[in-house]
Amino acid sequence: MAIETLACPECGAELQMGLPRNSTVRSVAPEPREEPADDRIKERENTCPNGHRLYVTFEF
C-alpha cells in the first residue's frame, strides 16, 4: 500500500490516503461517479480534515 497526498475538491485541504502500489489517481470528486466498466478502476470514499466527503477514483 502506498500513501498518496490528495487535495479536497471543496476546500483544498490536504489528506493522505492509502492506495494500492503502482496505482494512478484519476480523479478526486465531491460526488461519486458511475460504476466504471473496467475492473482495474476503483472508487473509494474518504473525508477531508474539514469533514467534506470526497470520492477518489484510481486505476491499478
N, C-alpha and C. Protein backbone atom coordinates (compact mmCIF):
# COMPACT_ATOMS: atom_id res chain seq x y z
N MET A 1 0.85 -1.17 0.00
CA MET A 1 0.00 0.00 0.00
C MET A 1 0.90 1.24 0.00
N ALA A 2 0.57 2.18 -0.84
CA ALA A 2 1.31 3.45 -0.93
C ALA A 2 0.42 4.56 -0.38
N ILE A 3 1.03 5.54 0.27
CA ILE A 3 0.30 6.68 0.81
C ILE A 3 0.37 7.83 -0.19
N GLU A 4 -0.78 8.33 -0.60
CA GLU A 4 -0.88 9.45 -1.53
C GLU A 4 -1.41 10.66 -0.80
N THR A 5 -0.90 11.84 -1.11
CA THR A 5 -1.43 13.09 -0.58
C THR A 5 -2.37 13.66 -1.62
N LEU A 6 -3.61 13.90 -1.21
CA LEU A 6 -4.67 14.39 -2.11
C LEU A 6 -5.20 15.72 -1.60
N ALA A 7 -5.86 16.47 -2.46
CA ALA A 7 -6.48 17.74 -2.08
C ALA A 7 -8.00 17.61 -2.16
N CYS A 8 -8.68 18.12 -1.16
CA CYS A 8 -10.14 18.11 -1.15
C CYS A 8 -10.65 19.00 -2.28
N PRO A 9 -11.61 18.52 -3.09
CA PRO A 9 -12.13 19.34 -4.18
C PRO A 9 -12.99 20.52 -3.71
N GLU A 10 -13.43 20.50 -2.46
CA GLU A 10 -14.27 21.59 -1.95
C GLU A 10 -13.46 22.70 -1.28
N CYS A 11 -12.48 22.32 -0.44
CA CYS A 11 -11.76 23.34 0.34
C CYS A 11 -10.26 23.36 0.11
N GLY A 12 -9.74 22.37 -0.62
CA GLY A 12 -8.31 22.33 -0.91
C GLY A 12 -7.45 21.76 0.20
N ALA A 13 -8.05 21.35 1.33
CA ALA A 13 -7.29 20.77 2.43
C ALA A 13 -6.62 19.48 1.97
N GLU A 14 -5.41 19.24 2.44
CA GLU A 14 -4.69 18.02 2.08
C GLU A 14 -5.07 16.88 3.02
N LEU A 15 -5.13 15.68 2.47
CA LEU A 15 -5.37 14.48 3.24
C LEU A 15 -4.52 13.37 2.66
N GLN A 16 -4.23 12.39 3.46
CA GLN A 16 -3.45 11.26 3.00
C GLN A 16 -4.35 10.04 2.94
N MET A 17 -4.14 9.22 1.90
CA MET A 17 -4.95 8.03 1.69
C MET A 17 -4.07 6.91 1.19
N GLY A 18 -4.25 5.73 1.73
CA GLY A 18 -3.51 4.57 1.26
C GLY A 18 -4.16 3.99 0.02
N LEU A 19 -3.36 3.78 -1.01
CA LEU A 19 -3.84 3.20 -2.28
C LEU A 19 -2.91 2.06 -2.67
N PRO A 20 -3.39 1.14 -3.51
CA PRO A 20 -2.51 0.06 -3.95
C PRO A 20 -1.25 0.60 -4.63
N ARG A 21 -0.15 -0.10 -4.44
CA ARG A 21 1.11 0.30 -5.09
C ARG A 21 0.92 0.30 -6.61
N ASN A 22 1.60 1.21 -7.27
CA ASN A 22 1.55 1.36 -8.73
C ASN A 22 0.19 1.77 -9.25
N SER A 23 -0.68 2.30 -8.39
CA SER A 23 -1.97 2.80 -8.87
C SER A 23 -1.81 4.26 -9.29
N THR A 24 -2.75 4.72 -10.11
CA THR A 24 -2.75 6.10 -10.60
C THR A 24 -4.08 6.73 -10.23
N VAL A 25 -4.04 7.87 -9.54
CA VAL A 25 -5.27 8.58 -9.20
C VAL A 25 -5.80 9.23 -10.46
N ARG A 26 -7.05 8.95 -10.78
CA ARG A 26 -7.68 9.52 -11.97
C ARG A 26 -8.50 10.75 -11.64
N SER A 27 -9.14 10.77 -10.45
CA SER A 27 -9.92 11.95 -10.07
C SER A 27 -10.19 11.95 -8.57
N VAL A 28 -10.43 13.15 -8.05
CA VAL A 28 -10.89 13.37 -6.68
C VAL A 28 -12.09 14.28 -6.83
N ALA A 29 -13.28 13.77 -6.50
CA ALA A 29 -14.52 14.49 -6.77
C ALA A 29 -15.41 14.55 -5.53
N PRO A 30 -16.29 15.57 -5.45
CA PRO A 30 -17.20 15.67 -4.30
C PRO A 30 -18.40 14.72 -4.39
N GLU A 31 -18.64 14.14 -5.54
CA GLU A 31 -19.76 13.23 -5.75
C GLU A 31 -19.26 11.93 -6.36
N PRO A 32 -19.92 10.80 -6.08
CA PRO A 32 -19.49 9.54 -6.69
C PRO A 32 -19.75 9.55 -8.19
N ARG A 33 -18.94 8.80 -8.89
CA ARG A 33 -19.09 8.68 -10.34
C ARG A 33 -19.86 7.40 -10.65
N GLU A 34 -20.23 7.25 -11.91
CA GLU A 34 -20.88 6.00 -12.32
C GLU A 34 -19.88 4.86 -12.19
N GLU A 35 -20.40 3.68 -11.94
CA GLU A 35 -19.56 2.49 -11.80
C GLU A 35 -18.78 2.26 -13.10
N PRO A 36 -17.44 2.23 -13.02
CA PRO A 36 -16.64 2.03 -14.23
C PRO A 36 -16.80 0.61 -14.77
N ALA A 37 -16.70 0.48 -16.09
CA ALA A 37 -16.83 -0.82 -16.73
C ALA A 37 -15.54 -1.63 -16.64
N ASP A 38 -14.43 -0.99 -16.34
CA ASP A 38 -13.12 -1.62 -16.27
C ASP A 38 -12.84 -2.07 -14.84
N ASP A 39 -12.49 -3.35 -14.65
CA ASP A 39 -12.22 -3.88 -13.31
C ASP A 39 -10.95 -3.31 -12.69
N ARG A 40 -10.11 -2.65 -13.48
CA ARG A 40 -8.88 -2.07 -12.96
C ARG A 40 -9.11 -0.67 -12.39
N ILE A 41 -10.33 -0.16 -12.49
CA ILE A 41 -10.66 1.18 -11.98
C ILE A 41 -11.57 1.02 -10.77
N LYS A 42 -11.18 1.64 -9.66
CA LYS A 42 -11.95 1.57 -8.42
C LYS A 42 -12.20 2.97 -7.89
N GLU A 43 -13.22 3.09 -7.06
CA GLU A 43 -13.53 4.37 -6.42
C GLU A 43 -13.69 4.12 -4.92
N ARG A 44 -13.08 4.99 -4.12
CA ARG A 44 -13.17 4.88 -2.67
C ARG A 44 -13.63 6.21 -2.07
N GLU A 45 -14.46 6.11 -1.06
CA GLU A 45 -14.94 7.30 -0.36
C GLU A 45 -13.97 7.64 0.78
N ASN A 46 -13.81 8.92 1.05
CA ASN A 46 -12.97 9.39 2.14
C ASN A 46 -13.53 10.72 2.61
N THR A 47 -12.95 11.29 3.67
CA THR A 47 -13.37 12.58 4.22
C THR A 47 -12.13 13.42 4.48
N CYS A 48 -12.18 14.69 4.11
CA CYS A 48 -11.04 15.59 4.35
C CYS A 48 -11.03 16.00 5.83
N PRO A 49 -9.95 16.64 6.30
CA PRO A 49 -9.88 17.08 7.70
C PRO A 49 -10.99 18.06 8.10
N ASN A 50 -11.60 18.73 7.13
CA ASN A 50 -12.69 19.67 7.40
C ASN A 50 -14.07 19.03 7.31
N GLY A 51 -14.12 17.72 7.12
CA GLY A 51 -15.38 16.98 7.12
C GLY A 51 -16.08 16.86 5.79
N HIS A 52 -15.48 17.32 4.70
CA HIS A 52 -16.11 17.18 3.38
C HIS A 52 -15.92 15.76 2.85
N ARG A 53 -16.98 15.17 2.35
CA ARG A 53 -16.91 13.85 1.76
C ARG A 53 -16.34 13.98 0.35
N LEU A 54 -15.46 13.04 -0.03
CA LEU A 54 -14.90 13.04 -1.38
C LEU A 54 -14.73 11.62 -1.87
N TYR A 55 -14.62 11.49 -3.18
CA TYR A 55 -14.53 10.18 -3.82
C TYR A 55 -13.29 10.16 -4.69
N VAL A 56 -12.43 9.18 -4.43
CA VAL A 56 -11.16 9.06 -5.15
C VAL A 56 -11.28 7.90 -6.13
N THR A 57 -11.09 8.19 -7.41
CA THR A 57 -11.09 7.18 -8.45
C THR A 57 -9.66 6.91 -8.85
N PHE A 58 -9.28 5.63 -8.86
CA PHE A 58 -7.91 5.27 -9.20
C PHE A 58 -7.88 4.01 -10.07
N GLU A 59 -6.79 3.88 -10.78
CA GLU A 59 -6.58 2.73 -11.68
C GLU A 59 -5.33 1.99 -11.21
N PHE A 60 -5.38 0.67 -11.25
CA PHE A 60 -4.20 -0.10 -10.87
C PHE A 60 -3.94 -1.21 -11.85
